[in-house]
N, C-alpha and C. Protein backbone atom coordinates (compact mmCIF):
# COMPACT_ATOMS: atom_id res chain seq x y z
N LEU A 1 -57.99 70.34 62.10
CA LEU A 1 -57.78 69.54 60.92
C LEU A 1 -57.88 68.10 61.35
N SER A 2 -58.61 67.33 60.71
CA SER A 2 -58.76 65.92 61.04
C SER A 2 -58.07 65.16 59.80
N VAL A 3 -57.14 64.27 60.06
CA VAL A 3 -56.49 63.56 59.02
C VAL A 3 -56.97 62.05 59.10
N ALA A 4 -56.45 61.18 58.16
CA ALA A 4 -56.92 59.86 58.15
C ALA A 4 -56.33 59.16 59.38
N PRO A 5 -57.24 58.48 60.14
CA PRO A 5 -56.78 57.70 61.40
C PRO A 5 -55.56 56.80 61.01
N GLY A 6 -54.50 56.79 61.89
CA GLY A 6 -53.40 55.87 61.67
C GLY A 6 -52.33 56.58 60.87
N SER A 7 -52.43 57.74 60.30
CA SER A 7 -51.44 58.41 59.62
C SER A 7 -50.32 58.98 60.46
N GLY A 8 -50.74 59.43 61.59
CA GLY A 8 -49.71 60.00 62.67
C GLY A 8 -48.85 61.13 62.26
N PRO A 9 -49.57 62.31 61.98
CA PRO A 9 -48.90 63.54 61.70
C PRO A 9 -47.73 63.75 62.56
N ARG A 10 -46.45 64.08 62.09
CA ARG A 10 -45.24 64.15 62.79
C ARG A 10 -44.76 65.54 62.79
N HIS A 11 -44.49 66.12 61.43
CA HIS A 11 -44.06 67.48 61.31
C HIS A 11 -44.85 68.20 60.30
N LEU A 12 -44.89 69.59 60.44
CA LEU A 12 -45.55 70.34 59.61
C LEU A 12 -44.68 71.59 59.21
N THR A 13 -44.61 71.89 57.82
CA THR A 13 -43.89 73.16 57.49
C THR A 13 -44.85 73.95 56.49
N PHE A 14 -44.71 75.17 56.61
CA PHE A 14 -45.58 76.22 55.74
C PHE A 14 -44.73 76.62 54.46
N HIS A 15 -45.55 76.68 53.56
CA HIS A 15 -44.96 77.36 52.28
C HIS A 15 -44.72 78.88 52.58
N PRO A 16 -43.59 79.36 52.02
CA PRO A 16 -43.28 80.83 52.24
C PRO A 16 -44.53 81.81 51.99
N ASN A 17 -45.34 81.42 51.09
CA ASN A 17 -46.40 82.31 50.67
C ASN A 17 -47.63 82.21 51.78
N GLY A 18 -47.54 81.35 52.71
CA GLY A 18 -48.47 81.21 53.79
C GLY A 18 -49.71 80.60 53.42
N LYS A 19 -50.03 80.09 52.03
CA LYS A 19 -51.31 79.55 51.62
C LYS A 19 -51.28 78.11 51.78
N PHE A 20 -50.05 77.44 51.93
CA PHE A 20 -50.13 75.98 51.94
C PHE A 20 -49.21 75.58 53.12
N ALA A 21 -49.59 74.37 53.59
CA ALA A 21 -48.68 73.62 54.54
C ALA A 21 -48.58 72.20 54.23
N TYR A 22 -47.49 71.46 54.71
CA TYR A 22 -47.18 70.23 54.23
C TYR A 22 -46.84 69.52 55.57
N VAL A 23 -47.56 68.26 55.72
CA VAL A 23 -47.51 67.42 56.90
C VAL A 23 -46.69 66.22 56.56
N MET A 24 -45.74 65.78 57.38
CA MET A 24 -45.01 64.54 57.15
C MET A 24 -45.74 63.53 58.21
N ALA A 25 -46.33 62.52 57.67
CA ALA A 25 -46.85 61.46 58.48
C ALA A 25 -45.84 60.53 58.98
N GLU A 26 -45.97 60.08 60.21
CA GLU A 26 -44.95 59.12 60.71
C GLU A 26 -45.32 57.63 60.60
N LEU A 27 -46.58 57.35 60.50
CA LEU A 27 -47.04 55.93 60.55
C LEU A 27 -47.40 55.41 59.14
N VAL A 28 -47.62 56.20 58.31
CA VAL A 28 -47.72 55.82 56.83
C VAL A 28 -46.73 56.69 56.04
N PRO A 29 -46.22 56.17 54.91
CA PRO A 29 -45.26 56.98 54.09
C PRO A 29 -45.97 57.96 53.22
N GLU A 30 -46.42 59.14 53.90
CA GLU A 30 -47.04 60.14 53.10
C GLU A 30 -46.70 61.51 53.53
N VAL A 31 -46.94 62.40 52.57
CA VAL A 31 -46.93 63.93 52.83
C VAL A 31 -48.26 64.30 52.50
N ILE A 32 -48.95 65.03 53.44
CA ILE A 32 -50.29 65.56 53.23
C ILE A 32 -50.14 66.92 52.86
N VAL A 33 -50.78 67.39 51.84
CA VAL A 33 -50.70 68.66 51.36
C VAL A 33 -52.03 69.40 51.74
N LEU A 34 -51.82 70.57 52.48
CA LEU A 34 -53.05 71.48 52.89
C LEU A 34 -53.04 72.81 52.49
N SER A 35 -54.25 73.31 52.23
CA SER A 35 -54.47 74.70 52.04
C SER A 35 -54.68 75.42 53.36
N PHE A 36 -54.24 76.56 53.60
CA PHE A 36 -54.37 77.10 54.95
C PHE A 36 -54.98 78.53 54.78
N ASP A 37 -56.13 78.64 55.51
CA ASP A 37 -56.86 79.93 55.46
C ASP A 37 -56.45 80.74 56.70
N SER A 38 -55.81 81.75 56.43
CA SER A 38 -55.06 82.63 57.64
C SER A 38 -56.11 83.37 58.37
N GLN A 39 -57.23 83.66 57.66
CA GLN A 39 -58.51 84.36 58.45
C GLN A 39 -59.03 83.60 59.56
N THR A 40 -59.23 82.30 59.20
CA THR A 40 -59.90 81.25 60.16
C THR A 40 -58.96 80.35 60.89
N GLY A 41 -57.65 80.33 60.44
CA GLY A 41 -56.78 79.41 60.93
C GLY A 41 -57.08 77.94 60.65
N SER A 42 -57.82 77.66 59.68
CA SER A 42 -58.20 76.37 59.29
C SER A 42 -57.45 75.76 58.04
N PHE A 43 -57.44 74.45 58.02
CA PHE A 43 -56.71 73.74 56.96
C PHE A 43 -57.75 72.90 56.09
N SER A 44 -57.36 72.60 54.92
CA SER A 44 -58.16 71.72 54.12
C SER A 44 -57.29 71.02 53.30
N GLU A 45 -57.49 69.64 53.29
CA GLU A 45 -56.64 68.62 52.62
C GLU A 45 -56.72 68.83 51.10
N LEU A 46 -55.62 68.90 50.35
CA LEU A 46 -55.61 69.03 48.87
C LEU A 46 -55.06 67.72 48.27
N GLN A 47 -54.09 67.00 48.90
CA GLN A 47 -53.51 66.03 48.13
C GLN A 47 -52.71 65.20 49.21
N THR A 48 -52.52 63.82 48.91
CA THR A 48 -51.66 63.10 49.75
C THR A 48 -50.70 62.34 48.79
N VAL A 49 -49.45 62.36 49.03
CA VAL A 49 -48.55 61.78 48.08
C VAL A 49 -47.68 60.82 48.96
N ARG A 50 -47.45 59.66 48.30
CA ARG A 50 -46.59 58.51 48.85
C ARG A 50 -45.13 58.90 48.79
N THR A 51 -44.41 58.59 49.92
CA THR A 51 -42.88 58.96 49.94
C THR A 51 -41.88 57.87 49.70
N VAL A 52 -42.54 56.56 49.44
CA VAL A 52 -41.70 55.39 49.16
C VAL A 52 -42.39 54.71 48.05
N PRO A 53 -41.70 53.84 47.24
CA PRO A 53 -42.27 53.12 46.24
C PRO A 53 -43.43 52.15 46.72
N GLU A 54 -44.41 51.96 45.78
CA GLU A 54 -45.66 51.22 46.16
C GLU A 54 -45.23 49.86 46.69
N ASP A 55 -44.22 49.22 46.11
CA ASP A 55 -43.85 47.77 46.43
C ASP A 55 -42.98 47.70 47.68
N PHE A 56 -42.67 48.84 48.35
CA PHE A 56 -41.99 48.85 49.60
C PHE A 56 -42.96 48.47 50.76
N LYS A 57 -42.78 47.30 51.39
CA LYS A 57 -43.74 46.75 52.34
C LYS A 57 -43.15 46.70 53.78
N GLU A 58 -41.85 46.97 53.89
CA GLU A 58 -41.23 46.85 55.14
C GLU A 58 -41.59 48.01 56.12
N ASN A 59 -41.10 48.18 57.28
CA ASN A 59 -41.40 49.13 58.29
C ASN A 59 -40.94 50.43 57.72
N ASN A 60 -41.58 51.52 57.78
CA ASN A 60 -41.06 52.78 57.39
C ASN A 60 -41.75 53.80 58.26
N GLN A 61 -41.10 54.61 58.73
CA GLN A 61 -41.61 55.86 59.42
C GLN A 61 -41.18 57.17 58.96
N GLY A 62 -42.07 58.01 58.69
CA GLY A 62 -41.59 59.37 58.19
C GLY A 62 -40.86 60.18 59.38
N SER A 63 -39.86 60.91 59.03
CA SER A 63 -39.24 61.67 60.02
C SER A 63 -39.38 63.22 59.77
N ALA A 64 -38.39 63.73 59.04
CA ALA A 64 -38.37 65.17 58.76
C ALA A 64 -38.95 65.67 57.46
N ILE A 65 -39.44 66.88 57.34
CA ILE A 65 -39.94 67.39 56.25
C ILE A 65 -39.52 68.99 56.15
N HIS A 66 -38.93 69.46 55.10
CA HIS A 66 -38.43 70.83 54.91
C HIS A 66 -38.69 71.18 53.55
N ILE A 67 -38.91 72.55 53.42
CA ILE A 67 -39.25 73.21 52.19
C ILE A 67 -38.04 74.11 51.78
N SER A 68 -37.62 74.17 50.61
CA SER A 68 -36.65 75.15 50.18
C SER A 68 -37.04 76.56 50.38
N ASP A 69 -36.10 77.38 50.62
CA ASP A 69 -36.36 78.91 50.97
C ASP A 69 -37.15 79.43 49.76
N ASP A 70 -37.00 79.11 48.52
CA ASP A 70 -37.53 79.65 47.35
C ASP A 70 -39.10 79.12 47.22
N GLY A 71 -39.41 78.11 48.06
CA GLY A 71 -40.77 77.63 48.05
C GLY A 71 -41.12 76.66 46.84
N ARG A 72 -40.00 76.20 46.30
CA ARG A 72 -40.18 75.35 44.99
C ARG A 72 -40.18 73.88 45.30
N PHE A 73 -39.51 73.60 46.28
CA PHE A 73 -39.38 72.02 46.59
C PHE A 73 -39.58 71.66 47.89
N ILE A 74 -39.97 70.46 48.17
CA ILE A 74 -40.28 69.79 49.46
C ILE A 74 -39.27 68.54 49.48
N TYR A 75 -38.88 68.34 50.62
CA TYR A 75 -37.95 67.29 50.98
C TYR A 75 -38.46 66.55 52.02
N ALA A 76 -38.61 65.20 51.96
CA ALA A 76 -39.28 64.42 53.03
C ALA A 76 -38.38 63.05 53.34
N ALA A 77 -37.96 62.80 54.61
CA ALA A 77 -37.12 61.66 54.92
C ALA A 77 -38.01 60.54 55.35
N ASN A 78 -37.47 59.25 54.98
CA ASN A 78 -38.16 58.01 55.27
C ASN A 78 -37.27 57.19 56.12
N ARG A 79 -37.52 56.89 57.40
CA ARG A 79 -36.86 56.02 58.22
C ARG A 79 -37.26 54.55 58.05
N GLY A 80 -36.38 53.65 57.51
CA GLY A 80 -36.86 52.28 57.03
C GLY A 80 -36.47 52.17 55.63
N HIS A 81 -37.14 52.93 54.81
CA HIS A 81 -36.72 52.90 53.37
C HIS A 81 -35.33 53.57 53.32
N ASP A 82 -34.96 54.39 54.31
CA ASP A 82 -33.66 55.19 54.31
C ASP A 82 -33.53 56.04 53.09
N SER A 83 -34.37 56.93 52.85
CA SER A 83 -34.42 57.83 51.73
C SER A 83 -35.04 59.14 52.03
N ILE A 84 -34.60 60.04 51.06
CA ILE A 84 -35.33 61.29 51.10
C ILE A 84 -36.03 61.48 49.70
N ALA A 85 -37.31 61.79 49.81
CA ALA A 85 -38.21 62.00 48.58
C ALA A 85 -38.14 63.56 48.32
N VAL A 86 -38.07 63.86 46.94
CA VAL A 86 -38.13 65.20 46.59
C VAL A 86 -39.26 65.44 45.72
N TYR A 87 -40.00 66.62 45.91
CA TYR A 87 -41.12 66.93 45.21
C TYR A 87 -41.07 68.36 44.76
N GLU A 88 -41.40 68.72 43.55
CA GLU A 88 -41.66 70.10 43.16
C GLU A 88 -43.04 70.49 43.42
N ILE A 89 -43.12 71.72 44.00
CA ILE A 89 -44.29 72.36 44.45
C ILE A 89 -44.96 73.27 43.29
N ASN A 90 -46.24 73.02 42.91
CA ASN A 90 -46.96 73.89 42.02
C ASN A 90 -47.28 75.17 42.88
N GLU A 91 -46.71 76.25 42.63
CA GLU A 91 -46.85 77.35 43.38
C GLU A 91 -48.35 78.03 43.39
N GLU A 92 -49.13 77.70 42.34
CA GLU A 92 -50.51 78.21 42.26
C GLU A 92 -51.35 77.27 43.13
N THR A 93 -51.18 75.88 43.01
CA THR A 93 -52.23 74.95 43.62
C THR A 93 -51.63 74.43 44.94
N GLY A 94 -50.27 74.42 45.13
CA GLY A 94 -49.75 73.84 46.29
C GLY A 94 -49.39 72.40 46.13
N LYS A 95 -49.91 71.80 45.13
CA LYS A 95 -49.79 70.33 44.92
C LYS A 95 -48.29 69.96 44.57
N LEU A 96 -48.06 68.69 44.87
CA LEU A 96 -46.70 68.13 44.56
C LEU A 96 -46.57 67.14 43.36
N ALA A 97 -45.36 67.36 42.82
CA ALA A 97 -45.05 66.39 41.71
C ALA A 97 -43.71 65.79 42.05
N PHE A 98 -43.66 64.46 41.92
CA PHE A 98 -42.38 63.60 42.23
C PHE A 98 -41.29 64.07 41.39
N VAL A 99 -40.16 64.39 42.02
CA VAL A 99 -38.84 64.72 41.35
C VAL A 99 -37.85 63.45 41.45
N GLN A 100 -37.61 62.99 42.70
CA GLN A 100 -36.49 62.11 42.98
C GLN A 100 -36.67 61.42 44.32
N LEU A 101 -36.17 60.18 44.38
CA LEU A 101 -36.00 59.50 45.67
C LEU A 101 -34.55 59.05 45.78
N VAL A 102 -33.81 59.57 46.87
CA VAL A 102 -32.43 59.19 46.96
C VAL A 102 -32.26 58.43 48.29
N SER A 103 -31.17 57.61 48.29
CA SER A 103 -30.73 56.88 49.52
C SER A 103 -30.01 57.84 50.45
N THR A 104 -30.17 57.62 51.74
CA THR A 104 -29.51 58.46 52.71
C THR A 104 -28.22 57.80 53.03
N GLU A 105 -27.86 56.80 52.40
CA GLU A 105 -26.51 56.08 52.59
C GLU A 105 -26.23 55.76 53.97
N GLY A 106 -27.19 55.43 54.78
CA GLY A 106 -27.12 54.95 56.16
C GLY A 106 -28.52 54.49 56.60
N HIS A 107 -28.63 54.19 57.75
CA HIS A 107 -29.84 53.63 58.40
C HIS A 107 -30.62 54.63 59.33
N TRP A 108 -31.84 54.93 59.07
CA TRP A 108 -32.80 55.53 59.97
C TRP A 108 -32.51 57.09 59.93
N PRO A 109 -32.76 57.69 58.79
CA PRO A 109 -32.58 59.12 58.79
C PRO A 109 -33.47 59.89 59.71
N ARG A 110 -33.08 60.37 60.69
CA ARG A 110 -33.82 61.12 61.70
C ARG A 110 -34.20 62.43 61.42
N ASP A 111 -33.08 63.24 60.79
CA ASP A 111 -33.39 64.50 60.48
C ASP A 111 -32.51 64.89 59.40
N PHE A 112 -32.65 66.19 58.69
CA PHE A 112 -31.78 66.70 57.64
C PHE A 112 -32.13 68.18 57.69
N SER A 113 -31.16 68.93 57.01
CA SER A 113 -31.35 70.26 56.91
C SER A 113 -30.70 70.80 55.55
N LEU A 114 -31.43 71.81 55.10
CA LEU A 114 -30.72 72.52 53.89
C LEU A 114 -29.88 73.63 54.55
N ASP A 115 -28.76 73.81 53.88
CA ASP A 115 -27.77 74.88 54.37
C ASP A 115 -28.37 76.21 54.02
N PRO A 116 -27.84 77.28 54.70
CA PRO A 116 -28.42 78.64 54.56
C PRO A 116 -28.31 79.04 52.96
N SER A 117 -27.36 78.63 52.21
CA SER A 117 -27.26 79.02 50.89
C SER A 117 -28.30 78.31 49.90
N GLY A 118 -28.85 77.18 50.44
CA GLY A 118 -29.68 76.35 49.70
C GLY A 118 -29.08 75.48 48.69
N LYS A 119 -27.77 75.37 48.78
CA LYS A 119 -26.98 74.60 47.77
C LYS A 119 -26.56 73.25 48.36
N PHE A 120 -26.78 72.91 49.61
CA PHE A 120 -26.52 71.69 50.16
C PHE A 120 -27.45 71.15 51.17
N LEU A 121 -27.53 69.90 51.25
CA LEU A 121 -28.39 69.20 52.22
C LEU A 121 -27.56 68.20 53.02
N ILE A 122 -27.74 68.18 54.36
CA ILE A 122 -26.97 67.24 55.17
C ILE A 122 -28.15 66.41 55.96
N ALA A 123 -27.98 65.05 55.72
CA ALA A 123 -29.03 64.04 56.53
C ALA A 123 -28.19 63.35 57.50
N SER A 124 -28.88 63.05 58.65
CA SER A 124 -28.28 62.43 59.77
C SER A 124 -29.00 61.06 59.95
N ASN A 125 -28.13 60.01 59.89
CA ASN A 125 -28.61 58.67 59.98
C ASN A 125 -28.36 58.15 61.30
N GLU A 126 -29.45 58.10 62.18
CA GLU A 126 -29.38 57.82 63.56
C GLU A 126 -28.84 56.38 63.84
N GLN A 127 -29.20 55.36 63.33
CA GLN A 127 -28.79 54.00 63.70
C GLN A 127 -27.42 53.57 63.08
N SER A 128 -27.14 54.19 61.91
CA SER A 128 -25.76 53.84 61.25
C SER A 128 -24.71 54.81 61.79
N GLY A 129 -25.15 55.94 62.49
CA GLY A 129 -24.19 56.98 62.95
C GLY A 129 -23.32 57.64 61.97
N ASN A 130 -24.02 58.10 60.94
CA ASN A 130 -23.35 58.89 59.95
C ASN A 130 -24.14 60.02 59.36
N LEU A 131 -23.36 60.92 58.82
CA LEU A 131 -23.92 62.10 58.14
C LEU A 131 -23.75 61.95 56.67
N THR A 132 -24.73 62.44 55.91
CA THR A 132 -24.53 62.40 54.39
C THR A 132 -24.70 63.81 53.82
N LEU A 133 -23.80 64.09 52.99
CA LEU A 133 -23.85 65.43 52.46
C LEU A 133 -24.16 65.36 50.84
N TYR A 134 -25.14 66.14 50.51
CA TYR A 134 -25.62 66.22 49.06
C TYR A 134 -25.40 67.62 48.60
N ALA A 135 -25.14 67.77 47.28
CA ALA A 135 -25.29 68.97 46.54
C ALA A 135 -26.72 69.09 46.18
N ARG A 136 -27.34 70.27 46.23
CA ARG A 136 -28.74 70.45 45.81
C ARG A 136 -28.77 71.42 44.54
N ASN A 137 -29.34 70.86 43.51
CA ASN A 137 -29.57 71.69 42.40
C ASN A 137 -30.80 72.67 42.59
N GLU A 138 -30.48 73.89 42.51
CA GLU A 138 -31.43 74.80 42.95
C GLU A 138 -32.59 75.09 41.80
N HIS A 139 -32.33 74.57 40.58
CA HIS A 139 -33.17 74.53 39.38
C HIS A 139 -34.26 73.44 39.32
N ASP A 140 -33.74 72.17 39.58
CA ASP A 140 -34.60 71.04 39.53
C ASP A 140 -34.80 70.36 40.87
N GLY A 141 -34.15 70.82 42.00
CA GLY A 141 -34.32 70.38 43.35
C GLY A 141 -33.58 68.99 43.56
N LYS A 142 -33.05 68.50 42.56
CA LYS A 142 -32.22 67.21 42.72
C LYS A 142 -31.05 67.22 43.62
N LEU A 143 -30.89 66.09 44.42
CA LEU A 143 -29.79 65.95 45.33
C LEU A 143 -28.79 64.93 44.58
N THR A 144 -27.49 65.39 44.75
CA THR A 144 -26.33 64.66 44.30
C THR A 144 -25.43 64.33 45.49
N LEU A 145 -25.17 62.92 45.69
CA LEU A 145 -24.35 62.54 46.79
C LEU A 145 -22.92 63.10 46.64
N LEU A 146 -22.25 63.75 47.77
CA LEU A 146 -21.03 64.17 47.82
C LEU A 146 -20.13 63.40 48.88
N GLN A 147 -20.71 63.11 50.03
CA GLN A 147 -20.05 62.42 50.95
C GLN A 147 -21.05 61.70 51.99
N LYS A 148 -20.65 60.46 52.35
CA LYS A 148 -21.50 59.60 53.09
C LYS A 148 -20.83 59.02 54.40
N ASP A 149 -19.59 59.39 54.70
CA ASP A 149 -18.85 58.74 55.61
C ASP A 149 -18.53 59.52 56.79
N VAL A 150 -19.19 60.60 57.16
CA VAL A 150 -18.93 61.45 58.30
C VAL A 150 -19.52 60.73 59.52
N GLN A 151 -18.64 60.25 60.39
CA GLN A 151 -19.25 59.48 61.48
C GLN A 151 -19.49 60.33 62.66
N VAL A 152 -20.80 60.12 63.12
CA VAL A 152 -21.32 60.88 64.34
C VAL A 152 -22.24 59.82 65.20
N PRO A 153 -21.87 59.67 66.33
CA PRO A 153 -22.73 58.72 67.09
C PRO A 153 -24.13 59.14 67.31
N PHE A 154 -25.13 58.40 66.89
CA PHE A 154 -26.52 58.60 67.09
C PHE A 154 -26.94 59.97 66.87
N PRO A 155 -26.69 60.53 65.60
CA PRO A 155 -27.32 61.89 65.25
C PRO A 155 -28.68 61.97 65.19
N VAL A 156 -29.33 62.99 65.73
CA VAL A 156 -30.77 63.09 65.71
C VAL A 156 -31.32 64.40 65.10
N CYS A 157 -30.48 65.33 65.14
CA CYS A 157 -30.90 66.70 64.59
C CYS A 157 -29.73 67.32 63.91
N VAL A 158 -29.93 68.07 62.88
CA VAL A 158 -29.12 68.74 62.13
C VAL A 158 -29.61 70.39 62.07
N LYS A 159 -28.67 71.14 62.50
CA LYS A 159 -28.97 72.63 62.50
C LYS A 159 -27.68 73.41 62.06
N PHE A 160 -27.88 74.35 61.37
CA PHE A 160 -26.82 75.38 61.01
C PHE A 160 -26.98 76.65 61.94
N LEU A 161 -25.77 76.94 62.46
CA LEU A 161 -25.88 78.05 63.36
C LEU A 161 -25.02 79.21 62.76
């Protein structure tokens, strides 16, 4: 796969159906939507979506990208804009439709994770040293802030064990 020069692919996640993959770019605020051919192992670009508002011109670096277990929603974090973009996935085409953009209530969200039940999302803000907890609506994918003041020095990864 060859992507636009300067995009800086950072992380990739596959849709549970195995037909689509989603790449978080680090150097531009974008998610690249790909079709995947399991017979040949090849990708084709289907769509590129912006993860921050058009008028945001400050430094922004994509960090983490995760898909809900049901394959209906993609979550993508922005370091600089300090936000998580939420998109609904069209399960037939793999393409994304914007749902929501929420603040991570801290600075430089390095990682986040959906809990095993799919009802919560925890984001780690590396430079402000805090974790943020959201409730996740399983029907529309939207995030609602529950807590933003869990202090953790320089968190870089969130995992449920």
